[in-house]
Amino acid sequence: MRRIRLSKQRPVKFNSPMRAVIQRVSEASVTIAGHIRAEIQNGLVVLLAIEEADTPEDNEWLSGKIVRLRIFPDDNGVMNRSVQEVGGDVLLVSQFTLFASTKKGNRPSYTRAARPEIAIPLYEAFIRWLTAGLGKPVRTGEFGADMKVKLVNDGPVTILIDSKNRE
């Protein structure tokens, strides 16, 4: 946790979150250089951004939250079932642009996103945690690649979760 001092005020704690955008989908795919890298049917697309201060504990908490997130309909049409319970798939895509800052001008800054030497090991560990929690392999894009993500958002249902803002 970093501390930032604003003028003569007390230090302000700044929590760096691992950030995920979760979308319930009826189908999705990732294409790289014209070739489909991964595709799923009923399940979740997870767009993941990692910051330098993220930890293995963030990985464990966030991956568990995602696989247990009750956003699939039960027999009464109420969002009361998880991707685990419905036997759905997960497509994970790294996306550093989730940390874009547009505070200064119109060109986004991505300085909050972790450098590859930090982000890649955490991303690979996140895949392992998700796979263990889901009980089957997670489909992925390719870290750092120029990817085309295609999806049909079911609902639409889209959830944003930050690992340090555990609401």
N, C-alpha and C. Protein backbone atom coordinates (compact mmCIF):
# COMPACT_ATOMS: atom_id res chain seq x y z
N MET A 1 0.84 -1.16 0.00
CA MET A 1 0.00 0.00 0.00
C MET A 1 0.90 1.23 0.00
N ARG A 2 0.69 2.14 -0.93
CA ARG A 2 1.46 3.37 -1.00
C ARG A 2 0.74 4.46 -0.24
N ARG A 3 1.50 5.41 0.29
CA ARG A 3 0.91 6.57 0.96
C ARG A 3 1.26 7.80 0.15
N ILE A 4 0.27 8.66 -0.03
CA ILE A 4 0.46 9.89 -0.79
C ILE A 4 0.10 11.04 0.14
N ARG A 5 0.96 12.06 0.20
CA ARG A 5 0.66 13.22 1.03
C ARG A 5 0.13 14.33 0.12
N LEU A 6 -1.05 14.82 0.46
CA LEU A 6 -1.66 15.91 -0.28
C LEU A 6 -1.54 17.18 0.54
N SER A 7 -0.73 18.12 0.10
CA SER A 7 -0.43 19.38 0.78
C SER A 7 -0.19 19.13 2.26
N LYS A 8 -0.89 19.85 3.15
CA LYS A 8 -0.66 19.71 4.59
C LYS A 8 -1.64 18.76 5.24
N GLN A 9 -2.34 18.01 4.44
CA GLN A 9 -3.30 17.07 4.99
C GLN A 9 -2.59 15.81 5.47
N ARG A 10 -3.33 14.97 6.20
CA ARG A 10 -2.78 13.69 6.64
C ARG A 10 -2.48 12.83 5.42
N PRO A 11 -1.55 11.85 5.53
CA PRO A 11 -1.28 10.94 4.41
C PRO A 11 -2.55 10.19 4.00
N VAL A 12 -2.72 9.99 2.71
CA VAL A 12 -3.86 9.27 2.18
C VAL A 12 -3.38 7.90 1.71
N LYS A 13 -4.07 6.85 2.12
CA LYS A 13 -3.70 5.52 1.67
C LYS A 13 -4.24 5.30 0.27
N PHE A 14 -3.39 4.75 -0.60
CA PHE A 14 -3.80 4.47 -1.97
C PHE A 14 -3.67 2.98 -2.21
N ASN A 15 -4.79 2.32 -2.39
CA ASN A 15 -4.80 0.88 -2.62
C ASN A 15 -4.75 0.60 -4.10
N SER A 16 -3.83 -0.24 -4.51
CA SER A 16 -3.70 -0.61 -5.91
C SER A 16 -4.48 -1.89 -6.16
N PRO A 17 -5.53 -1.82 -6.96
CA PRO A 17 -6.33 -3.02 -7.17
C PRO A 17 -5.96 -3.79 -8.43
N MET A 18 -6.14 -5.09 -8.36
CA MET A 18 -6.22 -5.90 -9.56
C MET A 18 -7.65 -5.66 -10.04
N ARG A 19 -7.84 -5.40 -11.30
CA ARG A 19 -9.17 -5.03 -11.79
C ARG A 19 -9.66 -6.04 -12.81
N ALA A 20 -10.93 -6.41 -12.69
CA ALA A 20 -11.53 -7.35 -13.64
C ALA A 20 -12.90 -6.84 -14.08
N VAL A 21 -13.15 -6.96 -15.36
CA VAL A 21 -14.48 -6.73 -15.91
C VAL A 21 -14.98 -8.12 -16.29
N ILE A 22 -16.13 -8.50 -15.73
CA ILE A 22 -16.69 -9.84 -15.94
C ILE A 22 -17.98 -9.68 -16.74
N GLN A 23 -18.07 -10.40 -17.85
CA GLN A 23 -19.27 -10.35 -18.67
C GLN A 23 -19.84 -11.75 -18.84
N ARG A 24 -21.13 -11.89 -18.55
CA ARG A 24 -21.81 -13.17 -18.80
C ARG A 24 -22.09 -13.23 -20.28
N VAL A 25 -21.69 -14.34 -20.91
CA VAL A 25 -21.81 -14.44 -22.37
C VAL A 25 -22.49 -15.74 -22.79
N SER A 26 -23.11 -15.68 -23.96
CA SER A 26 -23.64 -16.91 -24.55
C SER A 26 -22.61 -17.50 -25.51
N GLU A 27 -21.67 -16.67 -25.96
CA GLU A 27 -20.53 -17.13 -26.76
C GLU A 27 -19.47 -16.05 -26.81
N ALA A 28 -18.22 -16.46 -26.99
CA ALA A 28 -17.12 -15.51 -27.07
C ALA A 28 -15.91 -16.18 -27.70
N SER A 29 -15.04 -15.36 -28.29
CA SER A 29 -13.80 -15.88 -28.86
C SER A 29 -12.73 -14.81 -28.87
N VAL A 30 -11.48 -15.25 -28.95
CA VAL A 30 -10.32 -14.37 -29.08
C VAL A 30 -9.58 -14.81 -30.33
N THR A 31 -9.33 -13.85 -31.21
CA THR A 31 -8.59 -14.11 -32.44
C THR A 31 -7.29 -13.33 -32.42
N ILE A 32 -6.20 -13.99 -32.79
CA ILE A 32 -4.88 -13.36 -32.85
C ILE A 32 -4.32 -13.64 -34.23
N ALA A 33 -3.94 -12.59 -34.95
CA ALA A 33 -3.36 -12.69 -36.30
C ALA A 33 -4.24 -13.54 -37.22
N GLY A 34 -5.55 -13.34 -37.12
CA GLY A 34 -6.48 -14.03 -38.01
C GLY A 34 -6.84 -15.45 -37.62
N HIS A 35 -6.29 -15.95 -36.51
CA HIS A 35 -6.56 -17.32 -36.07
C HIS A 35 -7.25 -17.31 -34.72
N ILE A 36 -8.31 -18.10 -34.59
CA ILE A 36 -9.01 -18.18 -33.31
C ILE A 36 -8.11 -18.87 -32.30
N ARG A 37 -7.79 -18.15 -31.22
CA ARG A 37 -6.93 -18.68 -30.16
C ARG A 37 -7.76 -19.48 -29.15
N ALA A 38 -8.95 -18.95 -28.84
CA ALA A 38 -9.82 -19.61 -27.85
C ALA A 38 -11.25 -19.17 -28.08
N GLU A 39 -12.17 -20.08 -27.73
CA GLU A 39 -13.58 -19.74 -27.82
C GLU A 39 -14.36 -20.52 -26.78
N ILE A 40 -15.46 -19.91 -26.33
CA ILE A 40 -16.33 -20.56 -25.36
C ILE A 40 -17.78 -20.36 -25.77
N GLN A 41 -18.63 -21.14 -25.17
CA GLN A 41 -20.07 -20.93 -25.28
C GLN A 41 -20.52 -20.33 -23.94
N ASN A 42 -21.58 -20.78 -23.37
CA ASN A 42 -22.12 -20.26 -22.12
C ASN A 42 -21.04 -20.11 -21.05
N GLY A 43 -20.87 -18.89 -20.53
CA GLY A 43 -19.87 -18.70 -19.48
C GLY A 43 -19.56 -17.24 -19.23
N LEU A 44 -18.29 -16.98 -18.90
CA LEU A 44 -17.83 -15.64 -18.56
C LEU A 44 -16.63 -15.24 -19.40
N VAL A 45 -16.61 -13.99 -19.83
CA VAL A 45 -15.40 -13.37 -20.36
C VAL A 45 -14.88 -12.49 -19.24
N VAL A 46 -13.61 -12.66 -18.89
CA VAL A 46 -12.98 -11.88 -17.85
C VAL A 46 -11.84 -11.09 -18.46
N LEU A 47 -11.97 -9.76 -18.41
CA LEU A 47 -10.90 -8.86 -18.84
C LEU A 47 -10.15 -8.48 -17.58
N LEU A 48 -8.83 -8.72 -17.54
CA LEU A 48 -8.05 -8.58 -16.31
C LEU A 48 -6.91 -7.60 -16.48
N ALA A 49 -6.80 -6.67 -15.52
CA ALA A 49 -5.67 -5.73 -15.48
C ALA A 49 -4.95 -5.90 -14.14
N ILE A 50 -3.63 -5.83 -14.19
CA ILE A 50 -2.80 -6.06 -13.00
C ILE A 50 -1.93 -4.84 -12.75
N GLU A 51 -1.85 -4.43 -11.47
CA GLU A 51 -0.98 -3.34 -11.06
C GLU A 51 0.25 -3.89 -10.36
N GLU A 52 1.27 -3.04 -10.25
CA GLU A 52 2.54 -3.45 -9.64
C GLU A 52 2.37 -3.95 -8.20
N ALA A 53 1.44 -3.38 -7.45
CA ALA A 53 1.28 -3.73 -6.04
C ALA A 53 0.39 -4.94 -5.81
N ASP A 54 -0.11 -5.55 -6.86
CA ASP A 54 -0.98 -6.72 -6.70
C ASP A 54 -0.17 -7.90 -6.16
N THR A 55 -0.87 -8.77 -5.46
CA THR A 55 -0.21 -9.87 -4.75
C THR A 55 -0.87 -11.21 -5.09
N PRO A 56 -0.22 -12.31 -4.72
CA PRO A 56 -0.87 -13.62 -4.87
C PRO A 56 -2.19 -13.70 -4.10
N GLU A 57 -2.29 -13.00 -2.98
CA GLU A 57 -3.54 -12.99 -2.22
C GLU A 57 -4.66 -12.35 -3.04
N ASP A 58 -4.33 -11.29 -3.81
CA ASP A 58 -5.32 -10.68 -4.70
C ASP A 58 -5.79 -11.69 -5.74
N ASN A 59 -4.84 -12.46 -6.28
CA ASN A 59 -5.16 -13.51 -7.26
C ASN A 59 -6.16 -14.50 -6.68
N GLU A 60 -5.84 -14.98 -5.50
CA GLU A 60 -6.68 -16.00 -4.87
C GLU A 60 -8.08 -15.46 -4.60
N TRP A 61 -8.15 -14.27 -4.01
CA TRP A 61 -9.45 -13.69 -3.67
C TRP A 61 -10.28 -13.42 -4.93
N LEU A 62 -9.68 -12.75 -5.92
CA LEU A 62 -10.42 -12.36 -7.12
C LEU A 62 -10.86 -13.57 -7.95
N SER A 63 -10.01 -14.55 -8.09
CA SER A 63 -10.39 -15.74 -8.87
C SER A 63 -11.53 -16.48 -8.18
N GLY A 64 -11.46 -16.58 -6.86
CA GLY A 64 -12.55 -17.23 -6.12
C GLY A 64 -13.85 -16.47 -6.24
N LYS A 65 -13.76 -15.16 -6.18
CA LYS A 65 -14.95 -14.33 -6.31
C LYS A 65 -15.60 -14.53 -7.68
N ILE A 66 -14.79 -14.60 -8.72
CA ILE A 66 -15.31 -14.75 -10.08
C ILE A 66 -16.01 -16.09 -10.26
N VAL A 67 -15.40 -17.18 -9.85
CA VAL A 67 -16.04 -18.49 -10.08
C VAL A 67 -17.27 -18.71 -9.21
N ARG A 68 -17.39 -17.96 -8.11
CA ARG A 68 -18.56 -18.11 -7.23
C ARG A 68 -19.60 -17.01 -7.42
N LEU A 69 -19.33 -16.06 -8.32
CA LEU A 69 -20.23 -14.95 -8.56
C LEU A 69 -21.56 -15.45 -9.11
N ARG A 70 -22.64 -15.16 -8.41
CA ARG A 70 -23.96 -15.69 -8.77
C ARG A 70 -24.67 -14.76 -9.74
N ILE A 71 -24.37 -14.94 -11.03
CA ILE A 71 -24.95 -14.08 -12.06
C ILE A 71 -25.61 -14.86 -13.19
N PHE A 72 -25.83 -16.15 -12.97
CA PHE A 72 -26.55 -16.98 -13.94
C PHE A 72 -27.93 -17.30 -13.37
N PRO A 73 -28.94 -17.36 -14.23
CA PRO A 73 -30.30 -17.58 -13.73
C PRO A 73 -30.53 -18.99 -13.19
N ASP A 74 -31.34 -19.05 -12.12
CA ASP A 74 -31.78 -20.35 -11.61
C ASP A 74 -33.07 -20.73 -12.33
N ASP A 75 -33.76 -21.75 -11.85
CA ASP A 75 -34.99 -22.23 -12.50
C ASP A 75 -36.11 -21.19 -12.49
N ASN A 76 -36.01 -20.20 -11.60
CA ASN A 76 -37.02 -19.16 -11.51
C ASN A 76 -36.60 -17.88 -12.25
N GLY A 77 -35.48 -17.95 -12.96
CA GLY A 77 -35.02 -16.78 -13.71
C GLY A 77 -34.29 -15.75 -12.86
N VAL A 78 -33.98 -16.09 -11.61
CA VAL A 78 -33.27 -15.18 -10.71
C VAL A 78 -31.77 -15.45 -10.83
N MET A 79 -30.96 -14.38 -10.90
CA MET A 79 -29.51 -14.58 -10.96
C MET A 79 -29.04 -15.11 -9.61
N ASN A 80 -28.90 -16.44 -9.55
CA ASN A 80 -28.63 -17.10 -8.28
C ASN A 80 -27.66 -18.26 -8.43
N ARG A 81 -27.06 -18.42 -9.61
CA ARG A 81 -26.14 -19.53 -9.84
C ARG A 81 -24.81 -19.00 -10.37
N SER A 82 -23.74 -19.70 -10.03
CA SER A 82 -22.40 -19.30 -10.46
C SER A 82 -22.01 -20.02 -11.75
N VAL A 83 -20.92 -19.59 -12.33
CA VAL A 83 -20.41 -20.26 -13.53
C VAL A 83 -20.04 -21.71 -13.20
N GLN A 84 -19.59 -21.97 -11.98
CA GLN A 84 -19.32 -23.35 -11.53
C GLN A 84 -20.59 -24.18 -11.60
N GLU A 85 -21.65 -23.64 -11.03
CA GLU A 85 -22.91 -24.38 -10.91
C GLU A 85 -23.56 -24.68 -12.25
N VAL A 86 -23.38 -23.78 -13.22
CA VAL A 86 -24.01 -24.01 -14.53
C VAL A 86 -23.08 -24.76 -15.48
N GLY A 87 -21.88 -25.10 -15.02
CA GLY A 87 -20.92 -25.82 -15.88
C GLY A 87 -20.40 -24.96 -17.01
N GLY A 88 -20.39 -23.63 -16.80
CA GLY A 88 -19.94 -22.71 -17.85
C GLY A 88 -18.43 -22.66 -17.98
N ASP A 89 -17.99 -21.98 -19.03
CA ASP A 89 -16.57 -21.81 -19.30
C ASP A 89 -16.14 -20.40 -18.96
N VAL A 90 -14.83 -20.18 -18.88
CA VAL A 90 -14.27 -18.85 -18.67
C VAL A 90 -13.23 -18.58 -19.75
N LEU A 91 -13.32 -17.39 -20.33
CA LEU A 91 -12.34 -16.90 -21.29
C LEU A 91 -11.67 -15.70 -20.64
N LEU A 92 -10.37 -15.82 -20.35
CA LEU A 92 -9.61 -14.78 -19.66
C LEU A 92 -8.74 -14.03 -20.66
N VAL A 93 -8.83 -12.69 -20.61
CA VAL A 93 -8.07 -11.84 -21.52
C VAL A 93 -7.36 -10.77 -20.72
N SER A 94 -6.03 -10.66 -20.85
CA SER A 94 -5.30 -9.59 -20.18
C SER A 94 -5.62 -8.27 -20.88
N GLN A 95 -5.85 -7.22 -20.09
CA GLN A 95 -6.21 -5.93 -20.69
C GLN A 95 -5.73 -4.78 -19.81
N PHE A 96 -4.48 -4.37 -20.04
CA PHE A 96 -3.89 -3.30 -19.24
C PHE A 96 -4.63 -1.98 -19.38
N THR A 97 -5.39 -1.79 -20.45
CA THR A 97 -6.09 -0.52 -20.66
C THR A 97 -7.20 -0.27 -19.64
N LEU A 98 -7.53 -1.27 -18.83
CA LEU A 98 -8.52 -1.05 -17.77
C LEU A 98 -8.00 -0.06 -16.73
N PHE A 99 -6.69 0.19 -16.73
CA PHE A 99 -6.11 1.16 -15.81
C PHE A 99 -5.82 2.49 -16.50
N ALA A 100 -6.46 2.77 -17.60
CA ALA A 100 -6.25 4.02 -18.32
C ALA A 100 -6.62 5.21 -17.43
N SER A 101 -5.76 6.20 -17.43
CA SER A 101 -6.07 7.45 -16.74
C SER A 101 -6.21 8.54 -17.80
N THR A 102 -7.32 9.25 -17.75
CA THR A 102 -7.55 10.33 -18.70
C THR A 102 -7.56 11.68 -17.98
N LYS A 103 -6.90 11.72 -16.84
CA LYS A 103 -6.87 12.92 -16.01
C LYS A 103 -6.20 14.09 -16.73
N LYS A 104 -5.13 13.81 -17.46
CA LYS A 104 -4.37 14.87 -18.13
C LYS A 104 -4.57 14.77 -19.64
N GLY A 105 -5.49 15.50 -20.16
CA GLY A 105 -5.69 15.54 -21.61
C GLY A 105 -6.51 14.38 -22.12
N ASN A 106 -6.39 14.15 -23.41
CA ASN A 106 -7.21 13.15 -24.09
C ASN A 106 -6.46 11.88 -24.46
N ARG A 107 -5.15 11.85 -24.24
CA ARG A 107 -4.38 10.64 -24.51
C ARG A 107 -4.24 9.88 -23.19
N PRO A 108 -4.84 8.70 -23.09
CA PRO A 108 -4.78 7.94 -21.83
C PRO A 108 -3.35 7.57 -21.43
N SER A 109 -3.14 7.56 -20.14
CA SER A 109 -1.88 7.10 -19.57
C SER A 109 -2.13 5.73 -18.95
N TYR A 110 -1.16 4.85 -19.09
CA TYR A 110 -1.30 3.49 -18.57
C TYR A 110 -0.24 3.19 -17.51
N THR A 111 0.24 4.23 -16.83
CA THR A 111 1.33 4.04 -15.87
C THR A 111 0.93 3.19 -14.67
N ARG A 112 -0.36 3.05 -14.39
CA ARG A 112 -0.79 2.21 -13.26
C ARG A 112 -0.68 0.72 -13.57
N ALA A 113 -0.67 0.36 -14.84
CA ALA A 113 -0.59 -1.06 -15.21
C ALA A 113 0.81 -1.60 -14.92
N ALA A 114 0.86 -2.82 -14.42
CA ALA A 114 2.14 -3.45 -14.09
C ALA A 114 2.95 -3.74 -15.35
N ARG A 115 4.26 -3.63 -15.21
CA ARG A 115 5.17 -3.99 -16.29
C ARG A 115 5.09 -5.50 -16.51
N PRO A 116 5.39 -5.96 -17.72
CA PRO A 116 5.27 -7.40 -18.03
C PRO A 116 6.01 -8.32 -17.07
N GLU A 117 7.20 -7.94 -16.60
CA GLU A 117 7.95 -8.82 -15.70
C GLU A 117 7.22 -9.05 -14.38
N ILE A 118 6.34 -8.17 -14.00
CA ILE A 118 5.52 -8.36 -12.81
C ILE A 118 4.16 -8.94 -13.17
N ALA A 119 3.57 -8.43 -14.24
CA ALA A 119 2.21 -8.82 -14.62
C ALA A 119 2.11 -10.26 -15.12
N ILE A 120 3.07 -10.71 -15.92
CA ILE A 120 2.96 -12.05 -16.52
C ILE A 120 2.92 -13.16 -15.47
N PRO A 121 3.83 -13.17 -14.48
CA PRO A 121 3.72 -14.23 -13.46
C PRO A 121 2.40 -14.19 -12.69
N LEU A 122 1.88 -12.98 -12.40
CA LEU A 122 0.60 -12.89 -11.70
C LEU A 122 -0.54 -13.34 -12.60
N TYR A 123 -0.47 -13.01 -13.88
CA TYR A 123 -1.49 -13.44 -14.85
C TYR A 123 -1.50 -14.96 -14.97
N GLU A 124 -0.31 -15.57 -15.06
CA GLU A 124 -0.22 -17.03 -15.16
C GLU A 124 -0.73 -17.71 -13.89
N ALA A 125 -0.43 -17.12 -12.74
CA ALA A 125 -0.94 -17.65 -11.48
C ALA A 125 -2.46 -17.50 -11.41
N PHE A 126 -2.97 -16.40 -11.94
CA PHE A 126 -4.41 -16.18 -11.96
C PHE A 126 -5.10 -17.26 -12.78
N ILE A 127 -4.50 -17.64 -13.90
CA ILE A 127 -5.04 -18.72 -14.73
C ILE A 127 -5.12 -20.01 -13.91
N ARG A 128 -4.06 -20.31 -13.16
CA ARG A 128 -4.05 -21.53 -12.34
C ARG A 128 -5.13 -21.48 -11.27
N TRP A 129 -5.29 -20.34 -10.60
CA TRP A 129 -6.32 -20.20 -9.57
C TRP A 129 -7.71 -20.36 -10.17
N LEU A 130 -7.96 -19.71 -11.31
CA LEU A 130 -9.27 -19.83 -11.96
C LEU A 130 -9.55 -21.26 -12.38
N THR A 131 -8.55 -21.92 -12.94
CA THR A 131 -8.71 -23.31 -13.37
C THR A 131 -9.05 -24.21 -12.19
N ALA A 132 -8.34 -24.02 -11.09
CA ALA A 132 -8.60 -24.82 -9.89
C ALA A 132 -10.02 -24.55 -9.36
N GLY A 133 -10.40 -23.29 -9.30
CA GLY A 133 -11.72 -22.94 -8.78
C GLY A 133 -12.85 -23.42 -9.68
N LEU A 134 -12.63 -23.35 -10.99
CA LEU A 134 -13.65 -23.74 -11.96
C LEU A 134 -13.74 -25.27 -12.09
N GLY A 135 -12.60 -25.93 -11.87
CA GLY A 135 -12.57 -27.38 -11.99
C GLY A 135 -12.37 -27.86 -13.41
N LYS A 136 -11.97 -26.96 -14.29
CA LYS A 136 -11.66 -27.31 -15.67
C LYS A 136 -10.81 -26.20 -16.27
N PRO A 137 -10.15 -26.47 -17.39
CA PRO A 137 -9.26 -25.46 -17.97
C PRO A 137 -9.98 -24.16 -18.35
N VAL A 138 -9.26 -23.07 -18.14
CA VAL A 138 -9.73 -21.74 -18.52
C VAL A 138 -9.13 -21.44 -19.89
N ARG A 139 -9.94 -20.90 -20.78
CA ARG A 139 -9.44 -20.48 -22.10
C ARG A 139 -8.83 -19.09 -21.94
N THR A 140 -7.82 -18.78 -22.73
CA THR A 140 -7.14 -17.49 -22.58
C THR A 140 -6.81 -16.87 -23.93
N GLY A 141 -6.57 -15.58 -23.85
CA GLY A 141 -5.95 -14.87 -24.96
C GLY A 141 -4.45 -15.08 -24.81
N GLU A 142 -3.67 -14.13 -25.31
CA GLU A 142 -2.21 -14.20 -25.18
C GLU A 142 -1.73 -12.89 -24.59
N PHE A 143 -1.05 -12.95 -23.47
CA PHE A 143 -0.60 -11.73 -22.79
C PHE A 143 0.20 -10.86 -23.76
N GLY A 144 -0.19 -9.60 -23.88
CA GLY A 144 0.54 -8.63 -24.69
C GLY A 144 0.24 -8.67 -26.18
N ALA A 145 -0.54 -9.63 -26.63
CA ALA A 145 -0.83 -9.74 -28.06
C ALA A 145 -1.92 -8.75 -28.48
N ASP A 146 -1.94 -8.44 -29.77
CA ASP A 146 -3.03 -7.66 -30.36
C ASP A 146 -4.16 -8.64 -30.62
N MET A 147 -5.20 -8.56 -29.81
CA MET A 147 -6.28 -9.55 -29.86
C MET A 147 -7.58 -8.91 -30.33
N LYS A 148 -8.37 -9.70 -31.00
CA LYS A 148 -9.73 -9.32 -31.37
C LYS A 148 -10.66 -10.18 -30.50
N VAL A 149 -11.40 -9.53 -29.62
CA VAL A 149 -12.31 -10.24 -28.72
C VAL A 149 -13.73 -10.04 -29.24
N LYS A 150 -14.39 -11.15 -29.45
CA LYS A 150 -15.76 -11.13 -29.96
C LYS A 150 -16.63 -11.82 -28.91
N LEU A 151 -17.77 -11.18 -28.56
CA LEU A 151 -18.63 -11.81 -27.55
C LEU A 151 -20.07 -11.38 -27.73
N VAL A 152 -20.94 -12.23 -27.23
CA VAL A 152 -22.36 -11.90 -27.14
C VAL A 152 -22.66 -11.84 -25.65
N ASN A 153 -22.82 -10.61 -25.14
CA ASN A 153 -23.09 -10.39 -23.74
C ASN A 153 -24.52 -10.83 -23.46
N ASP A 154 -24.68 -11.76 -22.53
CA ASP A 154 -25.98 -12.34 -22.20
C ASP A 154 -26.62 -11.57 -21.07
N GLY A 155 -27.68 -10.89 -21.34
CA GLY A 155 -28.41 -10.16 -20.31
C GLY A 155 -28.79 -8.75 -20.75
N PRO A 156 -27.89 -7.83 -20.90
CA PRO A 156 -26.46 -7.92 -20.64
C PRO A 156 -26.14 -7.90 -19.15
N VAL A 157 -25.11 -8.66 -18.78
CA VAL A 157 -24.62 -8.67 -17.41
C VAL A 157 -23.12 -8.37 -17.47
N THR A 158 -22.73 -7.26 -16.85
CA THR A 158 -21.33 -6.85 -16.78
C THR A 158 -21.05 -6.37 -15.37
N ILE A 159 -19.99 -6.93 -14.75
CA ILE A 159 -19.64 -6.61 -13.37
C ILE A 159 -18.18 -6.15 -13.35
N LEU A 160 -17.89 -5.10 -12.59
CA LEU A 160 -16.53 -4.61 -12.40
C LEU A 160 -16.12 -4.91 -10.96
N ILE A 161 -14.95 -5.56 -10.80
CA ILE A 161 -14.45 -5.87 -9.45
C ILE A 161 -13.01 -5.42 -9.35
N ASP A 162 -12.70 -4.71 -8.26
CA ASP A 162 -11.33 -4.34 -7.90
C ASP A 162 -10.96 -5.16 -6.67
N SER A 163 -9.79 -5.77 -6.70
CA SER A 163 -9.39 -6.66 -5.61
C SER A 163 -9.21 -5.95 -4.27
N LYS A 164 -8.92 -4.68 -4.29
CA LYS A 164 -8.73 -3.95 -3.02
C LYS A 164 -10.02 -3.31 -2.52
N ASN A 165 -11.06 -3.33 -3.34
CA ASN A 165 -12.36 -2.77 -2.96
C ASN A 165 -13.32 -3.93 -2.83
N ARG A 166 -13.17 -4.68 -1.77
CA ARG A 166 -13.90 -5.95 -1.61
C ARG A 166 -15.31 -5.75 -1.07
N GLU A 167 -16.15 -5.19 -1.90
CA GLU A 167 -17.55 -4.92 -1.51
C GLU A 167 -18.36 -6.20 -1.51
